[in-house]
Amino acid sequence: IGRLGIGRIYQGVLNAQQSVVICDSFGHERTNTTSQI
């Protein structure tokens, strides 16, 4: 399944097949969809 990101959910709920905005501290944003969690 390729690259995996590991981390803590600080708030909210994360779903499989969810569209999310990925952003860094410099303000760059992009959109992607989680396949599995």
Full PDB file with SEQRES, HELIX, SHEET, SSBOND, CRYST1, ORIGX, SCALE, CONECT and MASTER records, all heavy atoms in Angstrom:
SEQRES   1 A   37  ILE GLY ARG LEU GLY ILE GLY ARG ILE TYR GLN GLY VAL          
SEQRES   2 A   37  LEU ASN ALA GLN GLN SER VAL VAL ILE CYS ASP SER PHE          
SEQRES   3 A   37  GLY HIS GLU ARG THR ASN THR THR SER GLN ILE                  
SHEET    1 AA1 2 SER A  19  CYS A  23  0                                        
SHEET    2 AA1 2 GLU A  29  THR A  33 -1                                        
CRYST1    1.000    1.000    1.000  90.00  90.00  90.00 P 1           1          
ORIGX1      1.000000  0.000000  0.000000        0.00000                         
ORIGX2      0.000000  1.000000  0.000000        0.00000                         
ORIGX3      0.000000  0.000000  1.000000        0.00000                         
SCALE1      1.000000  0.000000  0.000000        0.00000                         
SCALE2      0.000000  1.000000  0.000000        0.00000                         
SCALE3      0.000000  0.000000  1.000000        0.00000                         
ATOM      1  N   ILE A   1       0.808  -1.228   0.000  1.00  0.00           N  
ATOM      2  CA  ILE A   1       0.000   0.000   0.000  1.00  0.00           C  
ATOM      3  C   ILE A   1       0.838   1.274   0.000  1.00  0.00           C  
ATOM      4  O   ILE A   1       0.312   2.368   0.041  1.00  0.00           O  
ATOM      5  CB  ILE A   1      -1.020   0.012   1.173  1.00  0.00           C  
ATOM      6  CG1 ILE A   1      -0.343  -0.329   2.497  1.00  0.00           C  
ATOM      7  CG2 ILE A   1      -2.173  -0.905   0.912  1.00  0.00           C  
ATOM      8  CD1 ILE A   1      -1.287  -0.331   3.690  1.00  0.00           C  
ATOM      9  N   GLY A   2       2.179   1.127  -0.074  1.00  0.00           N  
ATOM     10  CA  GLY A   2       3.052   2.289  -0.243  1.00  0.00           C  
ATOM     11  C   GLY A   2       3.372   3.006   1.052  1.00  0.00           C  
ATOM     12  O   GLY A   2       3.405   2.409   2.133  1.00  0.00           O  
ATOM     13  N   ARG A   3       3.563   4.299   0.940  1.00  0.00           N  
ATOM     14  CA  ARG A   3       4.014   5.113   2.075  1.00  0.00           C  
ATOM     15  C   ARG A   3       2.888   5.284   3.098  1.00  0.00           C  
ATOM     16  O   ARG A   3       1.735   5.521   2.738  1.00  0.00           O  
ATOM     17  CB  ARG A   3       4.444   6.475   1.552  1.00  0.00           C  
ATOM     18  CG  ARG A   3       5.232   7.290   2.550  1.00  0.00           C  
ATOM     19  CD  ARG A   3       5.805   8.473   1.838  1.00  0.00           C  
ATOM     20  NE  ARG A   3       6.770   9.192   2.653  1.00  0.00           N  
ATOM     21  CZ  ARG A   3       7.596  10.086   2.161  1.00  0.00           C  
ATOM     22  NH1 ARG A   3       7.595  10.357   0.883  1.00  0.00           N  
ATOM     23  NH2 ARG A   3       8.434  10.724   2.934  1.00  0.00           N  
ATOM     24  N   LEU A   4       3.267   5.199   4.380  1.00  0.00           N  
ATOM     25  CA  LEU A   4       2.289   5.336   5.457  1.00  0.00           C  
ATOM     26  C   LEU A   4       2.700   6.491   6.356  1.00  0.00           C  
ATOM     27  O   LEU A   4       3.882   6.668   6.653  1.00  0.00           O  
ATOM     28  CB  LEU A   4       2.243   4.052   6.301  1.00  0.00           C  
ATOM     29  CG  LEU A   4       1.954   2.738   5.561  1.00  0.00           C  
ATOM     30  CD1 LEU A   4       2.174   1.554   6.489  1.00  0.00           C  
ATOM     31  CD2 LEU A   4       0.536   2.727   5.024  1.00  0.00           C  
ATOM     32  N   GLY A   5       1.731   7.282   6.791  1.00  0.00           N  
ATOM     33  CA  GLY A   5       1.989   8.347   7.759  1.00  0.00           C  
ATOM     34  C   GLY A   5       1.464   7.915   9.118  1.00  0.00           C  
ATOM     35  O   GLY A   5       0.340   7.408   9.218  1.00  0.00           O  
ATOM     36  N   ILE A   6       2.260   8.105  10.172  1.00  0.00           N  
ATOM     37  CA  ILE A   6       1.844   7.705  11.519  1.00  0.00           C  
ATOM     38  C   ILE A   6       1.807   8.949  12.392  1.00  0.00           C  
ATOM     39  O   ILE A   6       2.738   9.767  12.361  1.00  0.00           O  
ATOM     40  CB  ILE A   6       2.834   6.677  12.124  1.00  0.00           C  
ATOM     41  CG1 ILE A   6       2.987   5.476  11.191  1.00  0.00           C  
ATOM     42  CG2 ILE A   6       2.386   6.226  13.507  1.00  0.00           C  
ATOM     43  CD1 ILE A   6       4.145   4.547  11.539  1.00  0.00           C  
ATOM     44  N   GLY A   7       0.751   9.108  13.159  1.00  0.00           N  
ATOM     45  CA  GLY A   7       0.663  10.273  14.037  1.00  0.00           C  
ATOM     46  C   GLY A   7      -0.556  10.216  14.915  1.00  0.00           C  
ATOM     47  O   GLY A   7      -1.349   9.275  14.861  1.00  0.00           O  
ATOM     48  N   ARG A   8      -0.710  11.249  15.743  1.00  0.00           N  
ATOM     49  CA  ARG A   8      -1.845  11.291  16.660  1.00  0.00           C  
ATOM     50  C   ARG A   8      -2.934  12.207  16.116  1.00  0.00           C  
ATOM     51  O   ARG A   8      -2.637  13.263  15.549  1.00  0.00           O  
ATOM     52  CB  ARG A   8      -1.381  11.804  18.021  1.00  0.00           C  
ATOM     53  CG  ARG A   8      -2.572  12.118  18.909  1.00  0.00           C  
ATOM     54  CD  ARG A   8      -2.293  12.079  20.362  1.00  0.00           C  
ATOM     55  NE  ARG A   8      -1.390  13.105  20.825  1.00  0.00           N  
ATOM     56  CZ  ARG A   8      -1.143  13.289  22.122  1.00  0.00           C  
ATOM     57  NH1 ARG A   8      -1.687  12.517  23.012  1.00  0.00           N  
ATOM     58  NH2 ARG A   8      -0.320  14.228  22.499  1.00  0.00           N  
ATOM     59  N   ILE A   9      -4.170  11.807  16.321  1.00  0.00           N  
ATOM     60  CA  ILE A   9      -5.298  12.701  16.003  1.00  0.00           C  
ATOM     61  C   ILE A   9      -5.476  13.612  17.213  1.00  0.00           C  
ATOM     62  O   ILE A   9      -5.849  13.149  18.300  1.00  0.00           O  
ATOM     63  CB  ILE A   9      -6.598  11.907  15.730  1.00  0.00           C  
ATOM     64  CG1 ILE A   9      -6.395  10.939  14.559  1.00  0.00           C  
ATOM     65  CG2 ILE A   9      -7.751  12.866  15.460  1.00  0.00           C  
ATOM     66  CD1 ILE A   9      -7.596  10.060  14.268  1.00  0.00           C  
ATOM     67  N   TYR A  10      -5.161  14.888  17.047  1.00  0.00           N  
ATOM     68  CA  TYR A  10      -5.273  15.830  18.168  1.00  0.00           C  
ATOM     69  C   TYR A  10      -6.733  16.174  18.441  1.00  0.00           C  
ATOM     70  O   TYR A  10      -7.130  16.372  19.585  1.00  0.00           O  
ATOM     71  CB  TYR A  10      -4.463  17.095  17.880  1.00  0.00           C  
ATOM     72  CG  TYR A  10      -2.979  16.869  18.037  1.00  0.00           C  
ATOM     73  CD1 TYR A  10      -2.202  16.382  16.995  1.00  0.00           C  
ATOM     74  CD2 TYR A  10      -2.359  17.087  19.263  1.00  0.00           C  
ATOM     75  CE1 TYR A  10      -0.837  16.138  17.153  1.00  0.00           C  
ATOM     76  CE2 TYR A  10      -0.998  16.847  19.434  1.00  0.00           C  
ATOM     77  CZ  TYR A  10      -0.246  16.365  18.376  1.00  0.00           C  
ATOM     78  OH  TYR A  10       1.092  16.120  18.556  1.00  0.00           O  
ATOM     79  N   GLN A  11      -7.517  16.287  17.351  1.00  0.00           N  
ATOM     80  CA  GLN A  11      -8.953  16.524  17.543  1.00  0.00           C  
ATOM     81  C   GLN A  11      -9.708  16.052  16.301  1.00  0.00           C  
ATOM     82  O   GLN A  11      -9.134  15.878  15.232  1.00  0.00           O  
ATOM     83  CB  GLN A  11      -9.224  18.005  17.809  1.00  0.00           C  
ATOM     84  CG  GLN A  11      -8.766  18.941  16.695  1.00  0.00           C  
ATOM     85  CD  GLN A  11      -9.013  20.402  17.034  1.00  0.00           C  
ATOM     86  OE1 GLN A  11      -8.647  20.888  18.089  1.00  0.00           O  
ATOM     87  NE2 GLN A  11      -9.661  21.111  16.120  1.00  0.00           N  
ATOM     88  N   GLY A  12     -11.008  15.805  16.497  1.00  0.00           N  
ATOM     89  CA  GLY A  12     -11.835  15.360  15.381  1.00  0.00           C  
ATOM     90  C   GLY A  12     -11.805  13.853  15.183  1.00  0.00           C  
ATOM     91  O   GLY A  12     -11.270  13.106  16.005  1.00  0.00           O  
ATOM     92  N   VAL A  13     -12.396  13.425  14.048  1.00  0.00           N  
ATOM     93  CA  VAL A  13     -12.481  12.007  13.695  1.00  0.00           C  
ATOM     94  C   VAL A  13     -11.942  11.854  12.276  1.00  0.00           C  
ATOM     95  O   VAL A  13     -12.233  12.671  11.399  1.00  0.00           O  
ATOM     96  CB  VAL A  13     -13.952  11.513  13.759  1.00  0.00           C  
ATOM     97  CG1 VAL A  13     -14.068  10.083  13.269  1.00  0.00           C  
ATOM     98  CG2 VAL A  13     -14.494  11.636  15.176  1.00  0.00           C  
ATOM     99  N   LEU A  14     -11.148  10.820  12.041  1.00  0.00           N  
ATOM    100  CA  LEU A  14     -10.606  10.554  10.700  1.00  0.00           C  
ATOM    101  C   LEU A  14     -11.236   9.277  10.167  1.00  0.00           C  
ATOM    102  O   LEU A  14     -11.288   8.262  10.864  1.00  0.00           O  
ATOM    103  CB  LEU A  14      -9.082  10.399  10.768  1.00  0.00           C  
ATOM    104  CG  LEU A  14      -8.378  10.116   9.433  1.00  0.00           C  
ATOM    105  CD1 LEU A  14      -8.491  11.313   8.491  1.00  0.00           C  
ATOM    106  CD2 LEU A  14      -6.903   9.768   9.648  1.00  0.00           C  
ATOM    107  N   ASN A  15     -11.725   9.343   8.927  1.00  0.00           N  
ATOM    108  CA  ASN A  15     -12.357   8.183   8.306  1.00  0.00           C  
ATOM    109  C   ASN A  15     -11.528   7.657   7.135  1.00  0.00           C  
ATOM    110  O   ASN A  15     -10.771   8.409   6.516  1.00  0.00           O  
ATOM    111  CB  ASN A  15     -13.753   8.562   7.771  1.00  0.00           C  
ATOM    112  CG  ASN A  15     -14.676   8.991   8.885  1.00  0.00           C  
ATOM    113  OD1 ASN A  15     -15.048   8.178   9.726  1.00  0.00           O  
ATOM    114  ND2 ASN A  15     -15.027  10.274   8.915  1.00  0.00           N  
ATOM    115  N   ALA A  16     -11.704   6.371   6.839  1.00  0.00           N  
ATOM    116  CA  ALA A  16     -11.120   5.822   5.606  1.00  0.00           C  
ATOM    117  C   ALA A  16     -11.878   6.432   4.433  1.00  0.00           C  
ATOM    118  O   ALA A  16     -13.061   6.774   4.552  1.00  0.00           O  
ATOM    119  CB  ALA A  16     -11.261   4.306   5.615  1.00  0.00           C  
ATOM    120  N   GLN A  17     -11.200   6.599   3.291  1.00  0.00           N  
ATOM    121  CA  GLN A  17     -11.803   7.191   2.087  1.00  0.00           C  
ATOM    122  C   GLN A  17     -12.270   8.633   2.316  1.00  0.00           C  
ATOM    123  O   GLN A  17     -13.218   9.088   1.704  1.00  0.00           O  
ATOM    124  CB  GLN A  17     -13.006   6.346   1.601  1.00  0.00           C  
ATOM    125  CG  GLN A  17     -12.698   4.886   1.353  1.00  0.00           C  
ATOM    126  CD  GLN A  17     -11.754   4.688   0.164  1.00  0.00           C  
ATOM    127  OE1 GLN A  17     -11.691   5.505  -0.740  1.00  0.00           O  
ATOM    128  NE2 GLN A  17     -10.998   3.602   0.204  1.00  0.00           N  
ATOM    129  N   GLN A  18     -11.593   9.353   3.225  1.00  0.00           N  
ATOM    130  CA  GLN A  18     -11.975  10.737   3.511  1.00  0.00           C  
ATOM    131  C   GLN A  18     -11.070  11.703   2.760  1.00  0.00           C  
ATOM    132  O   GLN A  18      -9.860  11.509   2.694  1.00  0.00           O  
ATOM    133  CB  GLN A  18     -11.874  11.001   5.023  1.00  0.00           C  
ATOM    134  CG  GLN A  18     -12.228  12.441   5.419  1.00  0.00           C  
ATOM    135  CD  GLN A  18     -12.154  12.655   6.931  1.00  0.00           C  
ATOM    136  OE1 GLN A  18     -12.143  11.705   7.700  1.00  0.00           O  
ATOM    137  NE2 GLN A  18     -12.084  13.906   7.357  1.00  0.00           N  
ATOM    138  N   SER A  19     -11.655  12.740   2.209  1.00  0.00           N  
ATOM    139  CA  SER A  19     -10.871  13.782   1.544  1.00  0.00           C  
ATOM    140  C   SER A  19     -10.318  14.728   2.609  1.00  0.00           C  
ATOM    141  O   SER A  19     -11.068  15.229   3.452  1.00  0.00           O  
ATOM    142  CB  SER A  19     -11.749  14.551   0.564  1.00  0.00           C  
ATOM    143  OG  SER A  19     -11.007  15.600  -0.025  1.00  0.00           O  
ATOM    144  N   VAL A  20      -8.979  14.921   2.601  1.00  0.00           N  
ATOM    145  CA  VAL A  20      -8.362  15.773   3.619  1.00  0.00           C  
ATOM    146  C   VAL A  20      -7.457  16.811   2.953  1.00  0.00           C  
ATOM    147  O   VAL A  20      -6.995  16.619   1.832  1.00  0.00           O  
ATOM    148  CB  VAL A  20      -7.511  14.935   4.611  1.00  0.00           C  
ATOM    149  CG1 VAL A  20      -8.377  14.080   5.502  1.00  0.00           C  
ATOM    150  CG2 VAL A  20      -6.462  14.087   3.890  1.00  0.00           C  
ATOM    151  N   VAL A  21      -7.247  17.915   3.674  1.00  0.00           N  
ATOM    152  CA  VAL A  21      -6.280  18.928   3.228  1.00  0.00           C  
ATOM    153  C   VAL A  21      -4.988  18.683   4.013  1.00  0.00           C  
ATOM    154  O   VAL A  21      -5.009  18.593   5.241  1.00  0.00           O  
ATOM    155  CB  VAL A  21      -6.806  20.355   3.495  1.00  0.00           C  
ATOM    156  CG1 VAL A  21      -5.735  21.385   3.147  1.00  0.00           C  
ATOM    157  CG2 VAL A  21      -8.063  20.618   2.694  1.00  0.00           C  
ATOM    158  N   ILE A  22      -3.884  18.550   3.286  1.00  0.00           N  
ATOM    159  CA  ILE A  22      -2.586  18.315   3.932  1.00  0.00           C  
ATOM    160  C   ILE A  22      -1.832  19.638   3.879  1.00  0.00           C  
ATOM    161  O   ILE A  22      -1.651  20.204   2.798  1.00  0.00           O  
ATOM    162  CB  ILE A  22      -1.792  17.218   3.194  1.00  0.00           C  
ATOM    163  CG1 ILE A  22      -2.610  15.930   3.150  1.00  0.00           C  
ATOM    164  CG2 ILE A  22      -0.467  16.930   3.868  1.00  0.00           C  
ATOM    165  CD1 ILE A  22      -2.735  15.341   1.796  1.00  0.00           C  
ATOM    166  N   CYS A  23      -1.405  20.131   5.048  1.00  0.00           N  
ATOM    167  CA  CYS A  23      -0.717  21.424   5.036  1.00  0.00           C  
ATOM    168  C   CYS A  23       0.532  21.376   5.902  1.00  0.00           C  
ATOM    169  O   CYS A  23       0.618  20.591   6.848  1.00  0.00           O  
ATOM    170  CB  CYS A  23      -1.651  22.540   5.504  1.00  0.00           C  
ATOM    171  SG  CYS A  23      -2.552  22.160   6.993  1.00  0.00           S  
ATOM    172  N   ASP A  24       1.512  22.215   5.542  1.00  0.00           N  
ATOM    173  CA  ASP A  24       2.716  22.311   6.359  1.00  0.00           C  
ATOM    174  C   ASP A  24       2.733  23.668   7.051  1.00  0.00           C  
ATOM    175  O   ASP A  24       1.842  24.496   6.850  1.00  0.00           O  
ATOM    176  CB  ASP A  24       3.981  22.095   5.509  1.00  0.00           C  
ATOM    177  CG  ASP A  24       4.130  23.109   4.394  1.00  0.00           C  
ATOM    178  OD1 ASP A  24       3.592  24.232   4.539  1.00  0.00           O  
ATOM    179  OD2 ASP A  24       4.780  22.797   3.368  1.00  0.00           O  
ATOM    180  N   SER A  25       3.750  23.916   7.864  1.00  0.00           N  
ATOM    181  CA  SER A  25       3.786  25.142   8.669  1.00  0.00           C  
ATOM    182  C   SER A  25       4.069  26.386   7.816  1.00  0.00           C  
ATOM    183  O   SER A  25       3.963  27.499   8.294  1.00  0.00           O  
ATOM    184  CB  SER A  25       4.842  25.015   9.765  1.00  0.00           C  
ATOM    185  OG  SER A  25       6.090  24.727   9.182  1.00  0.00           O  
ATOM    186  N   PHE A  26       4.464  26.176   6.532  1.00  0.00           N  
ATOM    187  CA  PHE A  26       4.741  27.324   5.649  1.00  0.00           C  
ATOM    188  C   PHE A  26       3.481  27.785   4.913  1.00  0.00           C  
ATOM    189  O   PHE A  26       3.520  28.687   4.090  1.00  0.00           O  
ATOM    190  CB  PHE A  26       5.814  26.952   4.618  1.00  0.00           C  
ATOM    191  CG  PHE A  26       7.100  26.508   5.244  1.00  0.00           C  
ATOM    192  CD1 PHE A  26       7.509  25.181   5.164  1.00  0.00           C  
ATOM    193  CD2 PHE A  26       7.896  27.402   5.938  1.00  0.00           C  
ATOM    194  CE1 PHE A  26       8.692  24.762   5.750  1.00  0.00           C  
ATOM    195  CE2 PHE A  26       9.087  26.992   6.535  1.00  0.00           C  
ATOM    196  CZ  PHE A  26       9.483  25.676   6.450  1.00  0.00           C  
ATOM    197  N   GLY A  27       2.358  27.120   5.164  1.00  0.00           N  
ATOM    198  CA  GLY A  27       1.103  27.518   4.529  1.00  0.00           C  
ATOM    199  C   GLY A  27       0.820  26.837   3.199  1.00  0.00           C  
ATOM    200  O   GLY A  27      -0.151  27.162   2.527  1.00  0.00           O  
ATOM    201  N   HIS A  28       1.663  25.874   2.773  1.00  0.00           N  
ATOM    202  CA  HIS A  28       1.391  25.146   1.535  1.00  0.00           C  
ATOM    203  C   HIS A  28       0.300  24.114   1.796  1.00  0.00           C  
ATOM    204  O   HIS A  28       0.334  23.407   2.807  1.00  0.00           O  
ATOM    205  CB  HIS A  28       2.659  24.435   1.034  1.00  0.00           C  
ATOM    206  CG  HIS A  28       3.818  25.371   0.849  1.00  0.00           C  
ATOM    207  ND1 HIS A  28       5.083  25.120   1.347  1.00  0.00           N  
ATOM    208  CD2 HIS A  28       3.892  26.581   0.233  1.00  0.00           C  
ATOM    209  CE1 HIS A  28       5.884  26.125   1.042  1.00  0.00           C  
ATOM    210  NE2 HIS A  28       5.185  27.021   0.377  1.00  0.00           N  
ATOM    211  N   GLU A  29      -0.656  24.023   0.866  1.00  0.00           N  
ATOM    212  CA  GLU A  29      -1.776  23.089   1.052  1.00  0.00           C  
ATOM    213  C   GLU A  29      -1.966  22.241  -0.196  1.00  0.00           C  
ATOM    214  O   GLU A  29      -1.684  22.675  -1.306  1.00  0.00           O  
ATOM    215  CB  GLU A  29      -3.081  23.859   1.315  1.00  0.00           C  
ATOM    216  CG  GLU A  29      -3.083  24.649   2.601  1.00  0.00           C  
ATOM    217  CD  GLU A  29      -4.373  25.470   2.759  1.00  0.00           C  
ATOM    218  OE1 GLU A  29      -5.348  25.213   2.010  1.00  0.00           O  
ATOM    219  OE2 GLU A  29      -4.403  26.373   3.609  1.00  0.00           O  
ATOM    220  N   ARG A  30      -2.455  21.020   0.000  1.00  0.00           N  
ATOM    221  CA  ARG A  30      -2.864  20.169  -1.120  1.00  0.00           C  
ATOM    222  C   ARG A  30      -3.945  19.232  -0.596  1.00  0.00           C  
ATOM    223  O   ARG A  30      -4.076  19.010   0.616  1.00  0.00           O  
ATOM    224  CB  ARG A  30      -1.675  19.390  -1.689  1.00  0.00           C  
ATOM    225  CG  ARG A  30      -1.016  18.440  -0.729  1.00  0.00           C  
ATOM    226  CD  ARG A  30       0.293  17.888  -1.313  1.00  0.00           C  
ATOM    227  NE  ARG A  30       0.839  16.803  -0.523  1.00  0.00           N  
ATOM    228  CZ  ARG A  30       1.478  16.943   0.633  1.00  0.00           C  
ATOM    229  NH1 ARG A  30       1.658  18.157   1.146  1.00  0.00           N  
ATOM    230  NH2 ARG A  30       1.944  15.896   1.292  1.00  0.00           N  
ATOM    231  N   THR A  31      -4.732  18.695  -1.516  1.00  0.00           N  
ATOM    232  CA  THR A  31      -5.848  17.827  -1.120  1.00  0.00           C  
ATOM    233  C   THR A  31      -5.579  16.402  -1.578  1.00  0.00           C  
ATOM    234  O   THR A  31      -5.026  16.176  -2.663  1.00  0.00           O  
ATOM    235  CB  THR A  31      -7.166  18.337  -1.748  1.00  0.00           C  
ATOM    236  OG1 THR A  31      -7.316  19.717  -1.393  1.00  0.00           O  
ATOM    237  CG2 THR A  31      -8.370  17.564  -1.230  1.00  0.00           C  
ATOM    238  N   ASN A  32      -5.966  15.446  -0.746  1.00  0.00           N  
ATOM    239  CA  ASN A  32      -5.826  14.032  -1.101  1.00  0.00           C  
ATOM    240  C   ASN A  32      -6.872  13.231  -0.337  1.00  0.00           C  
ATOM    241  O   ASN A  32      -7.555  13.763   0.540  1.00  0.00           O  
ATOM    242  CB  ASN A  32      -4.409  13.535  -0.772  1.00  0.00           C  
ATOM    243  CG  ASN A  32      -3.947  12.464  -1.749  1.00  0.00           C  
ATOM    244  OD1 ASN A  32      -4.702  11.559  -2.092  1.00  0.00           O  
ATOM    245  ND2 ASN A  32      -2.710  12.568  -2.211  1.00  0.00           N  
ATOM    246  N   THR A  33      -6.977  11.956  -0.672  1.00  0.00           N  
ATOM    247  CA  THR A  33      -7.976  11.104  -0.018  1.00  0.00           C  
ATOM    248  C   THR A  33      -7.281   9.921   0.646  1.00  0.00           C  
ATOM    249  O   THR A  33      -6.445   9.261   0.030  1.00  0.00           O  
ATOM    250  CB  THR A  33      -9.005  10.578  -1.056  1.00  0.00           C  
ATOM    251  OG1 THR A  33      -9.579  11.703  -1.714  1.00  0.00           O  
ATOM    252  CG2 THR A  33     -10.093   9.768  -0.376  1.00  0.00           C  
ATOM    253  N   THR A  34      -7.643   9.669   1.897  1.00  0.00           N  
ATOM    254  CA  THR A  34      -7.075   8.508   2.594  1.00  0.00           C  
ATOM    255  C   THR A  34      -7.682   7.235   1.985  1.00  0.00           C  
ATOM    256  O   THR A  34      -8.867   7.207   1.681  1.00  0.00           O  
ATOM    257  CB  THR A  34      -7.399   8.546   4.100  1.00  0.00           C  
ATOM    258  OG1 THR A  34      -8.826   8.493   4.263  1.00  0.00           O  
ATOM    259  CG2 THR A  34      -6.872   9.810   4.745  1.00  0.00           C  
ATOM    260  N   SER A  35      -6.865   6.214   1.799  1.00  0.00           N  
ATOM    261  CA  SER A  35      -7.413   4.947   1.280  1.00  0.00           C  
ATOM    262  C   SER A  35      -7.796   4.033   2.442  1.00  0.00           C  
ATOM    263  O   SER A  35      -8.894   3.493   2.501  1.00  0.00           O  
ATOM    264  CB  SER A  35      -6.391   4.253   0.366  1.00  0.00           C  
ATOM    265  OG  SER A  35      -5.216   3.964   1.074  1.00  0.00           O  
ATOM    266  N   GLN A  36      -6.877   3.875   3.400  1.00  0.00           N  
ATOM    267  CA  GLN A  36      -7.161   3.051   4.577  1.00  0.00           C  
ATOM    268  C   GLN A  36      -6.592   3.734   5.804  1.00  0.00           C  
ATOM    269  O   GLN A  36      -5.642   4.508   5.717  1.00  0.00           O  
ATOM    270  CB  GLN A  36      -6.466   1.682   4.449  1.00  0.00           C  
ATOM    271  CG  GLN A  36      -7.078   0.741   3.447  1.00  0.00           C  
ATOM    272  CD  GLN A  36      -6.226  -0.527   3.345  1.00  0.00           C  
ATOM    273  OE1 GLN A  36      -5.258  -0.570   2.614  1.00  0.00           O  
ATOM    274  NE2 GLN A  36      -6.571  -1.561   4.096  1.00  0.00           N  
ATOM    275  N   ILE A  37      -7.195   3.444   6.961  1.00  0.00           N  
ATOM    276  CA  ILE A  37      -6.582   3.891   8.219  1.00  0.00           C  
ATOM    277  C   ILE A  37      -6.500   2.683   9.157  1.00  0.00           C  
ATOM    278  O   ILE A  37      -7.335   1.779   9.107  1.00  0.00           O  
ATOM    279  CB  ILE A  37      -7.338   5.069   8.879  1.00  0.00           C  
ATOM    280  CG1 ILE A  37      -8.801   4.730   9.123  1.00  0.00           C  
ATOM    281  CG2 ILE A  37      -7.208   6.326   8.070  1.00  0.00           C  
ATOM    282  CD1 ILE A  37      -9.517   5.785   9.957  1.00  0.00           C  
TER     283      ILE A  37                                                      
MASTER        0    0    0    0    2    0    0    6  282    1    0    3          
END                                                                             
